[in-house]
Protein backbone atom coordinates (compact mmCIF):
# COMPACT_ATOMS: atom_id res chain seq x y z
CA UNK A 1 -151.23 -136.31 58.57
CA UNK A 2 -148.54 -136.62 55.98
CA UNK A 3 -147.40 -133.28 54.70
CA UNK A 4 -146.14 -133.38 51.13
CA UNK A 5 -143.71 -130.83 49.84
CA UNK A 6 -145.22 -129.56 46.62
CA UNK A 7 -143.12 -126.85 44.96
CA UNK A 8 -145.22 -124.09 43.38
CA UNK A 9 -144.66 -123.41 39.74
CA UNK A 10 -143.59 -119.77 39.52
CA UNK A 11 -141.41 -119.63 42.75
CA UNK A 12 -139.55 -122.66 41.34
CA UNK A 13 -139.20 -121.22 37.87
CA UNK A 14 -137.64 -118.07 39.42
CA UNK A 15 -135.61 -119.74 42.19
CA UNK A 16 -133.84 -122.53 40.26
CA UNK A 17 -132.14 -120.31 37.71
CA UNK A 18 -131.27 -117.78 40.42
CA UNK A 19 -129.68 -120.65 42.48
CA UNK A 20 -127.72 -121.80 39.44
CA UNK A 21 -126.38 -118.27 38.84
CA UNK A 22 -125.41 -117.80 42.51
CA UNK A 23 -123.58 -121.08 42.62
CA UNK A 24 -121.84 -120.37 39.40
CA UNK A 25 -120.71 -116.96 40.58
CA UNK A 26 -119.37 -118.49 43.81
CA UNK A 27 -117.45 -121.19 41.92
CA UNK A 28 -116.06 -118.55 39.48
CA UNK A 29 -114.75 -116.50 42.44
CA UNK A 30 -113.10 -119.66 43.86
CA UNK A 31 -111.34 -120.13 40.54
CA UNK A 32 -110.26 -116.57 40.51
CA UNK A 33 -108.93 -117.06 44.04
CA UNK A 34 -106.76 -119.93 42.93
CA UNK A 35 -105.55 -117.82 39.91
CA UNK A 36 -104.75 -114.77 42.15
CA UNK A 37 -102.91 -116.83 44.71
CA UNK A 38 -100.76 -118.38 41.97
CA UNK A 39 -100.05 -114.94 40.60
CA UNK A 40 -98.96 -113.66 43.96
CA UNK A 41 -96.64 -116.62 44.38
CA UNK A 42 -95.14 -115.99 40.86
CA UNK A 43 -94.56 -112.36 41.63
CA UNK A 44 -92.85 -113.18 44.93
CA UNK A 45 -90.58 -115.67 43.17
CA UNK A 46 -89.65 -113.07 40.58
CA UNK A 47 -88.89 -110.46 43.21
CA UNK A 48 -86.57 -112.84 45.04
CA UNK A 49 -84.88 -114.09 41.90
CA UNK A 50 -81.48 -112.81 40.67
CA UNK A 51 -81.79 -109.45 39.05
CA UNK A 52 -81.59 -109.20 35.31
CA UNK A 53 -78.74 -107.09 33.98
CA UNK A 54 -80.44 -106.36 30.67
CA UNK A 55 -83.87 -104.88 29.85
CA UNK A 56 -85.62 -107.86 28.16
CA UNK A 57 -87.14 -107.17 24.79
CA UNK A 58 -90.82 -107.59 23.95
CA UNK A 59 -93.73 -107.51 26.34
CA UNK A 60 -91.82 -108.66 29.35
CA UNK A 61 -94.42 -107.10 31.69
CA UNK A 62 -96.78 -109.91 30.67
CA UNK A 63 -94.45 -112.75 31.67
CA UNK A 64 -91.94 -111.12 34.03
CA UNK A 65 -93.77 -108.43 35.94
CA UNK A 66 -92.12 -107.74 39.28
CA UNK A 67 -88.84 -109.23 38.03
CA UNK A 68 -85.90 -107.39 39.48
CA UNK A 69 -83.52 -105.62 37.14
CA UNK A 70 -80.13 -103.99 37.63
CA UNK A 71 -79.39 -101.82 34.64
CA UNK A 72 -76.20 -99.89 33.82
CA UNK A 73 -76.51 -96.83 31.58
CA UNK A 74 -77.40 -93.17 31.56
CA UNK A 75 -80.50 -91.12 32.30
CA UNK A 76 -81.82 -88.83 29.48
CA UNK A 77 -82.62 -86.07 32.01
CA UNK A 78 -83.65 -83.56 29.34
CA UNK A 79 -86.59 -85.89 28.51
CA UNK A 80 -88.15 -86.06 32.06
CA UNK A 81 -91.94 -86.57 32.06
CA UNK A 82 -94.34 -85.88 34.89
CA UNK A 83 -97.09 -88.26 35.94
CA UNK A 84 -99.78 -86.37 37.92
CA UNK A 85 -101.85 -87.49 40.86
CA UNK A 86 -99.20 -89.33 42.84
CA UNK A 87 -99.10 -89.27 46.62
CA UNK A 88 -96.52 -90.16 49.26
CA UNK A 89 -97.42 -90.32 53.00
CA UNK A 90 -100.62 -88.36 52.21
CA UNK A 91 -98.90 -85.61 50.23
CA UNK A 92 -99.71 -84.84 46.67
CA UNK A 93 -97.07 -84.70 44.04
CA UNK A 94 -95.69 -86.06 40.81
CA UNK A 95 -93.99 -89.25 39.63
CA UNK A 96 -90.79 -88.49 37.66
CA UNK A 97 -90.48 -90.72 34.56
CA UNK A 98 -87.10 -90.53 32.82
CA UNK A 99 -85.88 -92.40 29.73
CA UNK A 100 -82.82 -94.51 30.42
CA UNK A 101 -80.36 -95.76 27.81
CA UNK A 102 -78.58 -98.94 28.89
CA UNK A 103 -75.00 -99.71 28.06
CA UNK A 104 -76.13 -102.21 25.46
CA UNK A 105 -78.28 -99.60 23.69
CA UNK A 106 -81.76 -100.52 24.95
CA UNK A 107 -84.13 -97.71 25.95
CA UNK A 108 -86.60 -97.94 28.79
CA UNK A 109 -88.65 -95.47 30.81
CA UNK A 110 -87.79 -95.49 34.51
CA UNK A 111 -90.28 -94.33 37.14
CA UNK A 112 -87.75 -92.68 39.38
CA UNK A 113 -90.32 -92.01 42.11
CA UNK A 114 -92.20 -89.21 43.79
CA UNK A 115 -91.57 -85.56 44.24
CA UNK A 116 -93.76 -82.98 45.97
CA UNK A 117 -95.77 -80.51 43.97
CA UNK A 118 -93.10 -77.80 44.39
CA UNK A 119 -90.27 -80.00 43.10
CA UNK A 120 -91.64 -80.66 39.71
CA UNK A 121 -89.26 -78.21 38.09
CA UNK A 122 -85.89 -79.92 37.64
CA UNK A 123 -84.18 -76.64 38.68
CA UNK A 124 -85.51 -77.20 42.17
CA UNK A 125 -83.72 -80.52 42.47
CA UNK A 126 -80.57 -80.19 40.43
CA UNK A 127 -78.75 -82.72 42.55
CA UNK A 128 -81.20 -85.43 41.55
CA UNK A 129 -80.39 -85.10 37.87
CA UNK A 130 -77.73 -87.87 37.79
CA UNK A 131 -75.44 -87.20 34.96
CA UNK A 132 -73.03 -89.80 33.44
CA UNK A 133 -72.94 -93.56 34.00
CA UNK A 134 -75.14 -94.90 36.71
CA UNK A 135 -77.01 -98.04 37.76
CA UNK A 136 -80.72 -98.38 38.16
CA UNK A 137 -82.21 -101.03 40.40
CA UNK A 138 -85.92 -101.59 39.86
CA UNK A 139 -88.85 -103.84 38.95
CA UNK A 140 -90.40 -104.52 35.65
CA UNK A 141 -93.94 -103.13 35.89
CA UNK A 142 -97.03 -103.07 33.75
CA UNK A 143 -97.71 -99.50 32.47
CA UNK A 144 -100.42 -97.61 34.37
CA UNK A 145 -102.94 -97.32 31.52
CA UNK A 146 -105.78 -94.92 31.21
CA UNK A 147 -109.19 -95.95 32.61
CA UNK A 148 -112.62 -94.44 31.98
CA UNK A 149 -112.17 -92.00 34.82
CA UNK A 150 -108.57 -90.96 33.97
CA UNK A 151 -108.15 -87.59 32.31
CA UNK A 152 -106.59 -87.45 28.81
CA UNK A 153 -102.81 -87.09 28.68
CA UNK A 154 -101.50 -83.82 27.36
CA UNK A 155 -98.15 -84.66 25.76
CA UNK A 156 -97.75 -81.10 24.37
CA UNK A 157 -97.64 -79.81 27.93
CA UNK A 158 -95.63 -82.91 29.16
CA UNK A 159 -98.58 -83.59 31.45
CA UNK A 160 -99.43 -87.22 31.97
CA UNK A 161 -102.22 -88.93 33.89
CA UNK A 162 -101.43 -92.47 32.75
CA UNK A 163 -98.17 -94.03 31.73
CA UNK A 164 -98.70 -94.56 28.06
CA UNK A 165 -95.14 -95.69 27.26
CA UNK A 166 -95.49 -95.50 23.49
CA UNK A 167 -97.01 -92.01 23.58
CA UNK A 168 -94.20 -90.97 25.98
CA UNK A 169 -91.57 -92.41 23.61
CA UNK A 170 -93.06 -90.53 20.71
CA UNK A 171 -93.05 -87.31 22.73
CA UNK A 172 -89.42 -87.80 23.59
CA UNK A 173 -88.53 -88.74 20.01
CA UNK A 174 -87.16 -92.10 21.14
CA UNK A 175 -87.39 -95.21 18.88
CA UNK A 176 -87.98 -98.68 20.13
CA UNK A 177 -88.60 -98.00 23.85
CA UNK A 178 -89.34 -101.10 25.93
CA UNK A 179 -93.19 -101.34 26.30
CA UNK A 180 -93.07 -101.54 30.08
CA UNK A 181 -91.90 -99.39 33.03
CA UNK A 182 -88.96 -99.87 35.26
CA UNK A 183 -90.14 -98.93 38.75
CA UNK A 184 -87.03 -97.61 40.47
CA UNK A 185 -86.50 -98.83 43.97
CA UNK A 186 -85.82 -96.56 46.89
CA UNK A 187 -82.19 -95.49 47.36
CA UNK A 188 -80.16 -92.59 48.52
CA UNK A 189 -80.52 -89.79 46.10
CA UNK A 190 -78.68 -86.47 46.32
CA UNK A 191 -81.21 -83.87 47.58
CA UNK A 192 -83.67 -86.62 48.71
CA UNK A 193 -85.95 -86.59 45.60
CA UNK A 194 -87.35 -88.39 43.77
CA UNK A 195 -88.47 -90.95 46.41
CA UNK A 196 -88.30 -94.36 44.83
CA UNK A 197 -90.61 -97.26 45.45
CA UNK A 198 -90.36 -100.20 47.84
CA UNK A 199 -90.71 -103.90 47.05
CA UNK A 200 -94.26 -104.69 47.91
CA UNK A 201 -96.21 -107.40 46.17
CA UNK A 202 -99.63 -106.40 47.41
CA UNK A 203 -102.37 -107.51 44.99
CA UNK A 204 -105.98 -107.06 45.95
CA UNK A 205 -107.38 -110.48 46.75
CA UNK A 206 -111.03 -110.35 47.83
CA UNK A 207 -112.16 -113.43 45.92
CA UNK A 208 -112.71 -115.61 48.95
CA UNK A 209 -115.04 -113.03 50.53
CA UNK A 210 -116.94 -112.70 47.24
CA UNK A 211 -117.28 -116.47 46.96
CA UNK A 212 -118.57 -116.70 50.54
CA UNK A 213 -121.08 -113.97 49.68
CA UNK A 214 -122.45 -115.71 46.57
CA UNK A 215 -122.61 -119.13 48.32
CA UNK A 216 -124.33 -117.56 51.37
CA UNK A 217 -126.95 -115.99 49.10
CA UNK A 218 -127.45 -119.36 47.51
CA UNK A 219 -128.06 -120.96 50.89
CA UNK A 220 -130.40 -118.11 51.91
CA UNK A 221 -132.40 -118.61 48.68
CA UNK A 222 -132.82 -122.33 49.39
CA UNK A 223 -133.90 -121.68 52.98
CA UNK A 224 -136.39 -119.01 51.90
CA UNK A 225 -137.66 -121.34 49.14
CA UNK A 226 -138.28 -124.21 51.61
CA UNK A 227 -139.85 -122.01 54.26
CA UNK A 228 -142.17 -120.38 51.73
CA UNK A 229 -143.47 -123.82 50.61
CA UNK A 230 -143.82 -125.11 54.12
CA UNK A 231 -145.93 -122.10 54.98
CA UNK A 232 -147.86 -122.68 51.72
CA UNK A 233 -148.56 -126.30 52.71
CA UNK A 234 -149.79 -125.23 56.17
CA UNK A 235 -152.14 -122.76 54.59
CA UNK A 236 -153.47 -125.57 52.37
CA UNK A 237 -153.96 -127.86 55.33
CA UNK A 238 -155.99 -125.22 57.13
CA UNK A 239 -158.40 -124.86 54.24
């Protein structure tokens, strides 16, 4: 007996569009994988490039994120700002963000790093308030913008949950601040705080796993579709 494979109408109507969607999602994730790997390579090249000695104007965070900088100038310590919800080695605390005026007159906000909850008050870390000419080594970083789950900033209380650079500049009364952050790198600081960051280009890259998931679901759908129709044919043969 020759068994013919005769797809049923409704299972086919449902399965074909679903298969197309699953394959499209898998392919989209593969494209995202290529994009993310290229981005990681670009960030690594910028980290290893020679450090800039000026704070580039404009939206440098869009084209030069993770580029190293070495800026000479002065901290505006009386304009410190406090970014809540930061941790270090499992301990809660604050990130200290301080405006920095470079020798050529540019203004940028430097994320100097983490302090524990009981060191928020500058009087508890007087040694860390570097006065006079100094040099900042850091990375150009995209501001940590507010998400749906992030509380509203409270500029009047100098309490920040997201690094809204323009709002911070307005609070400090500073014109024409660079629209990105300078993430200060870890170095010896009198008193030990703030604790600066470390160079770590670690972007989440789960696109390959997602692609495998979508393609696996597509294969499973085809297998189920075929088995269903083989069973249907057997039932027809038995009638």
